[in-house]
Full PDB file with SEQRES, HELIX, SHEET, SSBOND, CRYST1, ORIGX, SCALE, CONECT and MASTER records, all heavy atoms in Angstrom:
SEQRES   1 A   38  VAL GLY PRO ASP GLY ALA VAL LEU GLN SER LEU GLU THR          
SEQRES   2 A   38  GLN VAL THR SER ASN VAL ASP GLN SER ILE LEU PRO ALA          
SEQRES   3 A   38  LYS ALA LEU VAL VAL GLY PRO GLY TYR ASP LYS ASN              
HELIX    1 AA1 GLN A   21  ILE A   23  5                                   3    
SHEET    1 AA1 2 VAL A  30  VAL A  31  0                                        
SHEET    2 AA1 2 ASP A  36  LYS A  37 -1                                        
CRYST1    1.000    1.000    1.000  90.00  90.00  90.00 P 1           1          
ORIGX1      1.000000  0.000000  0.000000        0.00000                         
ORIGX2      0.000000  1.000000  0.000000        0.00000                         
ORIGX3      0.000000  0.000000  1.000000        0.00000                         
SCALE1      1.000000  0.000000  0.000000        0.00000                         
SCALE2      0.000000  1.000000  0.000000        0.00000                         
SCALE3      0.000000  0.000000  1.000000        0.00000                         
ATOM      1  N   VAL A   1     -56.918  69.603  62.265  1.00  0.00           N  
ATOM      2  CA  VAL A   1     -55.627  70.117  62.734  1.00  0.00           C  
ATOM      3  C   VAL A   1     -54.522  69.614  61.811  1.00  0.00           C  
ATOM      4  O   VAL A   1     -54.428  68.415  61.539  1.00  0.00           O  
ATOM      5  CB  VAL A   1     -55.364  69.667  64.194  1.00  0.00           C  
ATOM      6  CG1 VAL A   1     -54.047  70.202  64.698  1.00  0.00           C  
ATOM      7  CG2 VAL A   1     -56.508  70.112  65.098  1.00  0.00           C  
ATOM      8  N   GLY A   2     -53.697  70.548  61.342  1.00  0.00           N  
ATOM      9  CA  GLY A   2     -52.586  70.201  60.468  1.00  0.00           C  
ATOM     10  C   GLY A   2     -51.458  69.548  61.231  1.00  0.00           C  
ATOM     11  O   GLY A   2     -51.451  69.527  62.469  1.00  0.00           O  
ATOM     12  N   PRO A   3     -50.459  69.007  60.534  1.00  0.00           N  
ATOM     13  CA  PRO A   3     -49.346  68.314  61.186  1.00  0.00           C  
ATOM     14  C   PRO A   3     -48.516  69.239  62.078  1.00  0.00           C  
ATOM     15  O   PRO A   3     -47.877  68.777  63.018  1.00  0.00           O  
ATOM     16  CB  PRO A   3     -48.511  67.787  60.019  1.00  0.00           C  
ATOM     17  CG  PRO A   3     -48.961  68.531  58.825  1.00  0.00           C  
ATOM     18  CD  PRO A   3     -50.349  69.004  59.085  1.00  0.00           C  
ATOM     19  N   ASP A   4     -48.588  70.548  61.830  1.00  0.00           N  
ATOM     20  CA  ASP A   4     -47.855  71.519  62.653  1.00  0.00           C  
ATOM     21  C   ASP A   4     -48.668  71.983  63.861  1.00  0.00           C  
ATOM     22  O   ASP A   4     -48.217  72.818  64.629  1.00  0.00           O  
ATOM     23  CB  ASP A   4     -47.435  72.722  61.805  1.00  0.00           C  
ATOM     24  CG  ASP A   4     -48.627  73.460  61.202  1.00  0.00           C  
ATOM     25  OD1 ASP A   4     -49.780  72.977  61.336  1.00  0.00           O  
ATOM     26  OD2 ASP A   4     -48.407  74.521  60.574  1.00  0.00           O  
ATOM     27  N   GLY A   5     -49.893  71.461  64.033  1.00  0.00           N  
ATOM     28  CA  GLY A   5     -50.742  71.839  65.152  1.00  0.00           C  
ATOM     29  C   GLY A   5     -51.680  72.997  64.855  1.00  0.00           C  
ATOM     30  O   GLY A   5     -52.517  73.350  65.684  1.00  0.00           O  
ATOM     31  N   ALA A   6     -51.571  73.578  63.677  1.00  0.00           N  
ATOM     32  CA  ALA A   6     -52.434  74.697  63.307  1.00  0.00           C  
ATOM     33  C   ALA A   6     -53.843  74.190  62.993  1.00  0.00           C  
ATOM     34  O   ALA A   6     -54.008  73.160  62.339  1.00  0.00           O  
ATOM     35  CB  ALA A   6     -51.869  75.425  62.094  1.00  0.00           C  
ATOM     36  N   VAL A   7     -54.847  74.916  63.479  1.00  0.00           N  
ATOM     37  CA  VAL A   7     -56.235  74.548  63.204  1.00  0.00           C  
ATOM     38  C   VAL A   7     -56.591  75.007  61.798  1.00  0.00           C  
ATOM     39  O   VAL A   7     -56.544  76.197  61.491  1.00  0.00           O  
ATOM     40  CB  VAL A   7     -57.189  75.168  64.247  1.00  0.00           C  
ATOM     41  CG1 VAL A   7     -58.634  74.860  63.904  1.00  0.00           C  
ATOM     42  CG2 VAL A   7     -56.862  74.656  65.637  1.00  0.00           C  
ATOM     43  N   LEU A   8     -56.929  74.043  60.928  1.00  0.00           N  
ATOM     44  CA  LEU A   8     -57.270  74.326  59.543  1.00  0.00           C  
ATOM     45  C   LEU A   8     -58.760  74.627  59.368  1.00  0.00           C  
ATOM     46  O   LEU A   8     -59.156  75.324  58.451  1.00  0.00           O  
ATOM     47  CB  LEU A   8     -56.890  73.151  58.640  1.00  0.00           C  
ATOM     48  CG  LEU A   8     -55.431  72.692  58.708  1.00  0.00           C  
ATOM     49  CD1 LEU A   8     -55.226  71.430  57.885  1.00  0.00           C  
ATOM     50  CD2 LEU A   8     -54.514  73.801  58.251  1.00  0.00           C  
ATOM     51  N   GLN A   9     -59.585  74.062  60.280  1.00  0.00           N  
ATOM     52  CA  GLN A   9     -61.033  74.272  60.219  1.00  0.00           C  
ATOM     53  C   GLN A   9     -61.643  73.948  61.567  1.00  0.00           C  
ATOM     54  O   GLN A   9     -61.210  73.019  62.252  1.00  0.00           O  
ATOM     55  CB  GLN A   9     -61.650  73.362  59.145  1.00  0.00           C  
ATOM     56  CG  GLN A   9     -63.153  73.486  59.030  1.00  0.00           C  
ATOM     57  CD  GLN A   9     -63.753  72.506  58.030  1.00  0.00           C  
ATOM     58  OE1 GLN A   9     -63.051  71.691  57.432  1.00  0.00           O  
ATOM     59  NE2 GLN A   9     -65.051  72.572  57.828  1.00  0.00           N  
ATOM     60  N   SER A  10     -62.652  74.698  61.941  1.00  0.00           N  
ATOM     61  CA  SER A  10     -63.448  74.414  63.136  1.00  0.00           C  
ATOM     62  C   SER A  10     -64.909  74.471  62.748  1.00  0.00           C  
ATOM     63  O   SER A  10     -65.306  75.358  61.999  1.00  0.00           O  
ATOM     64  CB  SER A  10     -63.198  75.449  64.231  1.00  0.00           C  
ATOM     65  OG  SER A  10     -61.908  75.330  64.750  1.00  0.00           O  
ATOM     66  N   LEU A  11     -65.670  73.524  63.242  1.00  0.00           N  
ATOM     67  CA  LEU A  11     -67.108  73.602  63.031  1.00  0.00           C  
ATOM     68  C   LEU A  11     -67.828  73.029  64.232  1.00  0.00           C  
ATOM     69  O   LEU A  11     -67.294  72.185  64.948  1.00  0.00           O  
ATOM     70  CB  LEU A  11     -67.534  72.927  61.729  1.00  0.00           C  
ATOM     71  CG  LEU A  11     -67.337  71.432  61.535  1.00  0.00           C  
ATOM     72  CD1 LEU A  11     -68.608  70.684  61.876  1.00  0.00           C  
ATOM     73  CD2 LEU A  11     -67.008  71.171  60.083  1.00  0.00           C  
ATOM     74  N   GLU A  12     -69.010  73.550  64.471  1.00  0.00           N  
ATOM     75  CA  GLU A  12     -69.857  73.068  65.556  1.00  0.00           C  
ATOM     76  C   GLU A  12     -71.217  72.734  64.990  1.00  0.00           C  
ATOM     77  O   GLU A  12     -71.686  73.389  64.059  1.00  0.00           O  
ATOM     78  CB  GLU A  12     -69.994  74.125  66.650  1.00  0.00           C  
ATOM     79  CG  GLU A  12     -68.762  74.272  67.495  1.00  0.00           C  
ATOM     80  CD  GLU A  12     -68.991  75.141  68.724  1.00  0.00           C  
ATOM     81  OE1 GLU A  12     -70.157  75.461  69.042  1.00  0.00           O  
ATOM     82  OE2 GLU A  12     -67.991  75.485  69.367  1.00  0.00           O  
ATOM     83  N   THR A  13     -71.830  71.719  65.561  1.00  0.00           N  
ATOM     84  CA  THR A  13     -73.173  71.330  65.168  1.00  0.00           C  
ATOM     85  C   THR A  13     -73.874  70.765  66.393  1.00  0.00           C  
ATOM     86  O   THR A  13     -73.270  70.638  67.460  1.00  0.00           O  
ATOM     87  CB  THR A  13     -73.143  70.313  64.003  1.00  0.00           C  
ATOM     88  OG1 THR A  13     -74.474  70.132  63.517  1.00  0.00           O  
ATOM     89  CG2 THR A  13     -72.544  68.983  64.414  1.00  0.00           C  
ATOM     90  N   GLN A  14     -75.137  70.460  66.229  1.00  0.00           N  
ATOM     91  CA  GLN A  14     -75.905  69.819  67.295  1.00  0.00           C  
ATOM     92  C   GLN A  14     -76.584  68.590  66.722  1.00  0.00           C  
ATOM     93  O   GLN A  14     -76.974  68.570  65.549  1.00  0.00           O  
ATOM     94  CB  GLN A  14     -76.969  70.777  67.844  1.00  0.00           C  
ATOM     95  CG  GLN A  14     -76.369  71.969  68.566  1.00  0.00           C  
ATOM     96  CD  GLN A  14     -77.443  72.893  69.091  1.00  0.00           C  
ATOM     97  OE1 GLN A  14     -78.557  72.932  68.608  1.00  0.00           O  
ATOM     98  NE2 GLN A  14     -77.091  73.656  70.115  1.00  0.00           N  
ATOM     99  N   VAL A  15     -76.722  67.580  67.579  1.00  0.00           N  
ATOM    100  CA  VAL A  15     -77.406  66.354  67.185  1.00  0.00           C  
ATOM    101  C   VAL A  15     -78.579  66.173  68.148  1.00  0.00           C  
ATOM    102  O   VAL A  15     -78.407  66.267  69.366  1.00  0.00           O  
ATOM    103  CB  VAL A  15     -76.462  65.130  67.243  1.00  0.00           C  
ATOM    104  CG1 VAL A  15     -77.178  63.874  66.773  1.00  0.00           C  
ATOM    105  CG2 VAL A  15     -75.212  65.377  66.417  1.00  0.00           C  
ATOM    106  N   THR A  16     -79.751  65.929  67.578  1.00  0.00           N  
ATOM    107  CA  THR A  16     -80.962  65.756  68.380  1.00  0.00           C  
ATOM    108  C   THR A  16     -81.580  64.414  68.044  1.00  0.00           C  
ATOM    109  O   THR A  16     -81.724  64.068  66.868  1.00  0.00           O  
ATOM    110  CB  THR A  16     -81.971  66.891  68.076  1.00  0.00           C  
ATOM    111  OG1 THR A  16     -81.332  68.148  68.288  1.00  0.00           O  
ATOM    112  CG2 THR A  16     -83.194  66.795  68.973  1.00  0.00           C  
ATOM    113  N   SER A  17     -81.945  63.663  69.071  1.00  0.00           N  
ATOM    114  CA  SER A  17     -82.543  62.345  68.861  1.00  0.00           C  
ATOM    115  C   SER A  17     -84.064  62.460  68.836  1.00  0.00           C  
ATOM    116  O   SER A  17     -84.648  63.301  69.523  1.00  0.00           O  
ATOM    117  CB  SER A  17     -82.126  61.401  69.999  1.00  0.00           C  
ATOM    118  OG  SER A  17     -82.739  60.141  69.833  1.00  0.00           O  
ATOM    119  N   ASN A  18     -84.699  61.582  68.065  1.00  0.00           N  
ATOM    120  CA  ASN A  18     -86.160  61.558  68.060  1.00  0.00           C  
ATOM    121  C   ASN A  18     -86.713  60.477  68.991  1.00  0.00           C  
ATOM    122  O   ASN A  18     -87.921  60.253  69.014  1.00  0.00           O  
ATOM    123  CB  ASN A  18     -86.699  61.396  66.634  1.00  0.00           C  
ATOM    124  CG  ASN A  18     -86.214  60.137  65.962  1.00  0.00           C  
ATOM    125  OD1 ASN A  18     -85.407  59.390  66.513  1.00  0.00           O  
ATOM    126  ND2 ASN A  18     -86.700  59.886  64.760  1.00  0.00           N  
ATOM    127  N   VAL A  19     -85.829  59.799  69.745  1.00  0.00           N  
ATOM    128  CA  VAL A  19     -86.238  58.817  70.753  1.00  0.00           C  
ATOM    129  C   VAL A  19     -85.315  58.928  71.972  1.00  0.00           C  
ATOM    130  O   VAL A  19     -84.190  59.397  71.867  1.00  0.00           O  
ATOM    131  CB  VAL A  19     -86.195  57.357  70.224  1.00  0.00           C  
ATOM    132  CG1 VAL A  19     -87.218  57.143  69.132  1.00  0.00           C  
ATOM    133  CG2 VAL A  19     -84.822  56.991  69.740  1.00  0.00           C  
ATOM    134  N   ASP A  20     -85.821  58.491  73.113  1.00  0.00           N  
ATOM    135  CA  ASP A  20     -84.999  58.411  74.321  1.00  0.00           C  
ATOM    136  C   ASP A  20     -84.199  57.117  74.313  1.00  0.00           C  
ATOM    137  O   ASP A  20     -84.595  56.130  73.679  1.00  0.00           O  
ATOM    138  CB  ASP A  20     -85.881  58.390  75.581  1.00  0.00           C  
ATOM    139  CG  ASP A  20     -86.424  59.748  75.943  1.00  0.00           C  
ATOM    140  OD1 ASP A  20     -85.733  60.757  75.727  1.00  0.00           O  
ATOM    141  OD2 ASP A  20     -87.558  59.800  76.459  1.00  0.00           O  
ATOM    142  N   GLN A  21     -83.110  57.103  75.064  1.00  0.00           N  
ATOM    143  CA  GLN A  21     -82.300  55.901  75.149  1.00  0.00           C  
ATOM    144  C   GLN A  21     -83.045  54.782  75.880  1.00  0.00           C  
ATOM    145  O   GLN A  21     -82.643  53.634  75.816  1.00  0.00           O  
ATOM    146  CB  GLN A  21     -80.969  56.187  75.823  1.00  0.00           C  
ATOM    147  CG  GLN A  21     -80.032  54.999  75.729  1.00  0.00           C  
ATOM    148  CD  GLN A  21     -78.607  55.336  76.032  1.00  0.00           C  
ATOM    149  OE1 GLN A  21     -78.198  56.475  75.949  1.00  0.00           O  
ATOM    150  NE2 GLN A  21     -77.839  54.333  76.392  1.00  0.00           N  
ATOM    151  N   SER A  22     -84.147  55.101  76.516  1.00  0.00           N  
ATOM    152  CA  SER A  22     -84.910  54.073  77.231  1.00  0.00           C  
ATOM    153  C   SER A  22     -85.498  53.024  76.291  1.00  0.00           C  
ATOM    154  O   SER A  22     -86.034  52.017  76.745  1.00  0.00           O  
ATOM    155  CB  SER A  22     -86.032  54.723  78.050  1.00  0.00           C  
ATOM    156  OG  SER A  22     -86.923  55.407  77.186  1.00  0.00           O  
ATOM    157  N   ILE A  23     -85.384  53.219  74.974  1.00  0.00           N  
ATOM    158  CA  ILE A  23     -85.841  52.175  74.040  1.00  0.00           C  
ATOM    159  C   ILE A  23     -84.870  51.001  74.012  1.00  0.00           C  
ATOM    160  O   ILE A  23     -85.206  49.935  73.518  1.00  0.00           O  
ATOM    161  CB  ILE A  23     -86.031  52.725  72.612  1.00  0.00           C  
ATOM    162  CG1 ILE A  23     -84.699  53.140  72.016  1.00  0.00           C  
ATOM    163  CG2 ILE A  23     -87.052  53.833  72.562  1.00  0.00           C  
ATOM    164  CD1 ILE A  23     -84.689  53.174  70.509  1.00  0.00           C  
ATOM    165  N   LEU A  24     -83.642  51.221  74.527  1.00  0.00           N  
ATOM    166  CA  LEU A  24     -82.638  50.154  74.525  1.00  0.00           C  
ATOM    167  C   LEU A  24     -82.847  49.209  75.695  1.00  0.00           C  
ATOM    168  O   LEU A  24     -83.289  49.616  76.769  1.00  0.00           O  
ATOM    169  CB  LEU A  24     -81.230  50.754  74.635  1.00  0.00           C  
ATOM    170  CG  LEU A  24     -80.716  51.508  73.432  1.00  0.00           C  
ATOM    171  CD1 LEU A  24     -79.353  52.121  73.747  1.00  0.00           C  
ATOM    172  CD2 LEU A  24     -80.618  50.602  72.225  1.00  0.00           C  
ATOM    173  N   PRO A  25     -82.475  47.943  75.510  1.00  0.00           N  
ATOM    174  CA  PRO A  25     -82.512  47.030  76.653  1.00  0.00           C  
ATOM    175  C   PRO A  25     -81.423  47.410  77.661  1.00  0.00           C  
ATOM    176  O   PRO A  25     -80.420  48.029  77.303  1.00  0.00           O  
ATOM    177  CB  PRO A  25     -82.244  45.653  76.036  1.00  0.00           C  
ATOM    178  CG  PRO A  25     -81.593  45.922  74.739  1.00  0.00           C  
ATOM    179  CD  PRO A  25     -82.036  47.288  74.293  1.00  0.00           C  
ATOM    180  N   ALA A  26     -81.613  47.039  78.909  1.00  0.00           N  
ATOM    181  CA  ALA A  26     -80.642  47.355  79.963  1.00  0.00           C  
ATOM    182  C   ALA A  26     -79.340  46.583  79.768  1.00  0.00           C  
ATOM    183  O   ALA A  26     -78.270  47.063  80.130  1.00  0.00           O  
ATOM    184  CB  ALA A  26     -81.238  47.052  81.332  1.00  0.00           C  
ATOM    185  N   LYS A  27     -79.419  45.401  79.204  1.00  0.00           N  
ATOM    186  CA  LYS A  27     -78.240  44.571  78.961  1.00  0.00           C  
ATOM    187  C   LYS A  27     -78.246  44.111  77.504  1.00  0.00           C  
ATOM    188  O   LYS A  27     -79.309  43.987  76.895  1.00  0.00           O  
ATOM    189  CB  LYS A  27     -78.253  43.338  79.873  1.00  0.00           C  
ATOM    190  CG  LYS A  27     -78.149  43.662  81.340  1.00  0.00           C  
ATOM    191  CD  LYS A  27     -78.202  42.409  82.169  1.00  0.00           C  
ATOM    192  CE  LYS A  27     -78.172  42.781  83.639  1.00  0.00           C  
ATOM    193  NZ  LYS A  27     -78.408  41.639  84.489  1.00  0.00           N  
ATOM    194  N   ALA A  28     -77.049  43.834  77.001  1.00  0.00           N  
ATOM    195  CA  ALA A  28     -76.933  43.331  75.632  1.00  0.00           C  
ATOM    196  C   ALA A  28     -77.739  42.049  75.468  1.00  0.00           C  
ATOM    197  O   ALA A  28     -77.737  41.186  76.350  1.00  0.00           O  
ATOM    198  CB  ALA A  28     -75.477  43.074  75.298  1.00  0.00           C  
ATOM    199  N   LEU A  29     -78.441  41.931  74.348  1.00  0.00           N  
ATOM    200  CA  LEU A  29     -79.244  40.735  74.100  1.00  0.00           C  
ATOM    201  C   LEU A  29     -78.401  39.577  73.604  1.00  0.00           C  
ATOM    202  O   LEU A  29     -78.793  38.419  73.720  1.00  0.00           O  
ATOM    203  CB  LEU A  29     -80.339  41.040  73.076  1.00  0.00           C  
ATOM    204  CG  LEU A  29     -81.316  42.160  73.462  1.00  0.00           C  
ATOM    205  CD1 LEU A  29     -82.353  42.340  72.363  1.00  0.00           C  
ATOM    206  CD2 LEU A  29     -81.972  41.864  74.788  1.00  0.00           C  
ATOM    207  N   VAL A  30     -77.234  39.900  73.037  1.00  0.00           N  
ATOM    208  CA  VAL A  30     -76.344  38.866  72.511  1.00  0.00           C  
ATOM    209  C   VAL A  30     -74.935  39.100  73.042  1.00  0.00           C  
ATOM    210  O   VAL A  30     -74.565  40.207  73.423  1.00  0.00           O  
ATOM    211  CB  VAL A  30     -76.336  38.849  70.975  1.00  0.00           C  
ATOM    212  CG1 VAL A  30     -77.697  38.431  70.432  1.00  0.00           C  
ATOM    213  CG2 VAL A  30     -75.923  40.179  70.409  1.00  0.00           C  
ATOM    214  N   VAL A  31     -74.146  38.022  73.062  1.00  0.00           N  
ATOM    215  CA  VAL A  31     -72.757  38.103  73.519  1.00  0.00           C  
ATOM    216  C   VAL A  31     -71.866  37.285  72.596  1.00  0.00           C  
ATOM    217  O   VAL A  31     -72.318  36.344  71.945  1.00  0.00           O  
ATOM    218  CB  VAL A  31     -72.606  37.590  74.980  1.00  0.00           C  
ATOM    219  CG1 VAL A  31     -73.317  38.507  75.960  1.00  0.00           C  
ATOM    220  CG2 VAL A  31     -73.108  36.164  75.124  1.00  0.00           C  
ATOM    221  N   GLY A  32     -70.604  37.647  72.568  1.00  0.00           N  
ATOM    222  CA  GLY A  32     -69.619  36.866  71.837  1.00  0.00           C  
ATOM    223  C   GLY A  32     -69.646  37.083  70.338  1.00  0.00           C  
ATOM    224  O   GLY A  32     -70.541  37.727  69.801  1.00  0.00           O  
ATOM    225  N   PRO A  33     -68.646  36.505  69.667  1.00  0.00           N  
ATOM    226  CA  PRO A  33     -68.513  36.697  68.220  1.00  0.00           C  
ATOM    227  C   PRO A  33     -69.629  36.022  67.421  1.00  0.00           C  
ATOM    228  O   PRO A  33     -69.906  36.412  66.300  1.00  0.00           O  
ATOM    229  CB  PRO A  33     -67.151  36.085  67.900  1.00  0.00           C  
ATOM    230  CG  PRO A  33     -66.876  35.145  69.019  1.00  0.00           C  
ATOM    231  CD  PRO A  33     -67.562  35.709  70.227  1.00  0.00           C  
ATOM    232  N   GLY A  34     -70.292  35.050  68.008  1.00  0.00           N  
ATOM    233  CA  GLY A  34     -71.375  34.346  67.314  1.00  0.00           C  
ATOM    234  C   GLY A  34     -72.746  34.911  67.621  1.00  0.00           C  
ATOM    235  O   GLY A  34     -73.763  34.348  67.222  1.00  0.00           O  
ATOM    236  N   TYR A  35     -72.790  36.023  68.337  1.00  0.00           N  
ATOM    237  CA  TYR A  35     -74.061  36.643  68.735  1.00  0.00           C  
ATOM    238  C   TYR A  35     -74.975  35.638  69.442  1.00  0.00           C  
ATOM    239  O   TYR A  35     -76.148  35.496  69.124  1.00  0.00           O  
ATOM    240  CB  TYR A  35     -74.784  37.271  67.533  1.00  0.00           C  
ATOM    241  CG  TYR A  35     -74.160  38.561  67.074  1.00  0.00           C  
ATOM    242  CD1 TYR A  35     -73.207  38.579  66.065  1.00  0.00           C  
ATOM    243  CD2 TYR A  35     -74.507  39.767  67.660  1.00  0.00           C  
ATOM    244  CE1 TYR A  35     -72.617  39.767  65.640  1.00  0.00           C  
ATOM    245  CE2 TYR A  35     -73.933  40.971  67.252  1.00  0.00           C  
ATOM    246  CZ  TYR A  35     -72.998  40.955  66.243  1.00  0.00           C  
ATOM    247  OH  TYR A  35     -72.426  42.136  65.843  1.00  0.00           O  
ATOM    248  N   ASP A  36     -74.395  34.917  70.415  1.00  0.00           N  
ATOM    249  CA  ASP A  36     -75.185  33.983  71.209  1.00  0.00           C  
ATOM    250  C   ASP A  36     -76.098  34.760  72.144  1.00  0.00           C  
ATOM    251  O   ASP A  36     -75.785  35.872  72.560  1.00  0.00           O  
ATOM    252  CB  ASP A  36     -74.251  33.086  72.045  1.00  0.00           C  
ATOM    253  CG  ASP A  36     -73.357  32.224  71.175  1.00  0.00           C  
ATOM    254  OD1 ASP A  36     -73.838  31.723  70.146  1.00  0.00           O  
ATOM    255  OD2 ASP A  36     -72.168  32.060  71.528  1.00  0.00           O  
ATOM    256  N   LYS A  37     -77.229  34.155  72.487  1.00  0.00           N  
ATOM    257  CA  LYS A  37     -78.152  34.806  73.425  1.00  0.00           C  
ATOM    258  C   LYS A  37     -77.424  35.054  74.744  1.00  0.00           C  
ATOM    259  O   LYS A  37     -76.713  34.180  75.251  1.00  0.00           O  
ATOM    260  CB  LYS A  37     -79.365  33.922  73.683  1.00  0.00           C  
ATOM    261  CG  LYS A  37     -80.290  33.808  72.497  1.00  0.00           C  
ATOM    262  CD  LYS A  37     -81.472  32.909  72.842  1.00  0.00           C  
ATOM    263  CE  LYS A  37     -82.394  32.744  71.671  1.00  0.00           C  
ATOM    264  NZ  LYS A  37     -83.511  31.844  71.968  1.00  0.00           N  
ATOM    265  N   ASN A  38     -77.632  36.232  75.295  1.00  0.00           N  
ATOM    266  CA  ASN A  38     -77.021  36.587  76.573  1.00  0.00           C  
ATOM    267  C   ASN A  38     -77.738  35.809  77.685  1.00  0.00           C  
ATOM    268  O   ASN A  38     -78.936  35.996  77.901  1.00  0.00           O  
ATOM    269  CB  ASN A  38     -77.146  38.095  76.801  1.00  0.00           C  
ATOM    270  CG  ASN A  38     -76.442  38.565  78.052  1.00  0.00           C  
ATOM    271  OD1 ASN A  38     -76.056  37.783  78.914  1.00  0.00           O  
ATOM    272  ND2 ASN A  38     -76.275  39.873  78.164  1.00  0.00           N  
TER     273      ASN A  38                                                      
MASTER        0    0    0    1    2    0    0    6  272    1    0    3          
END                                                                             
């Protein structure tokens, strides 16, 4: 979008994952700026 609000370009795409989010842990494994164990 240009500074005047005019649309200069539009594009659409799709993203497909090769894994489910269930590979992630339920809670963060580390916390804080030092990446301490949660």
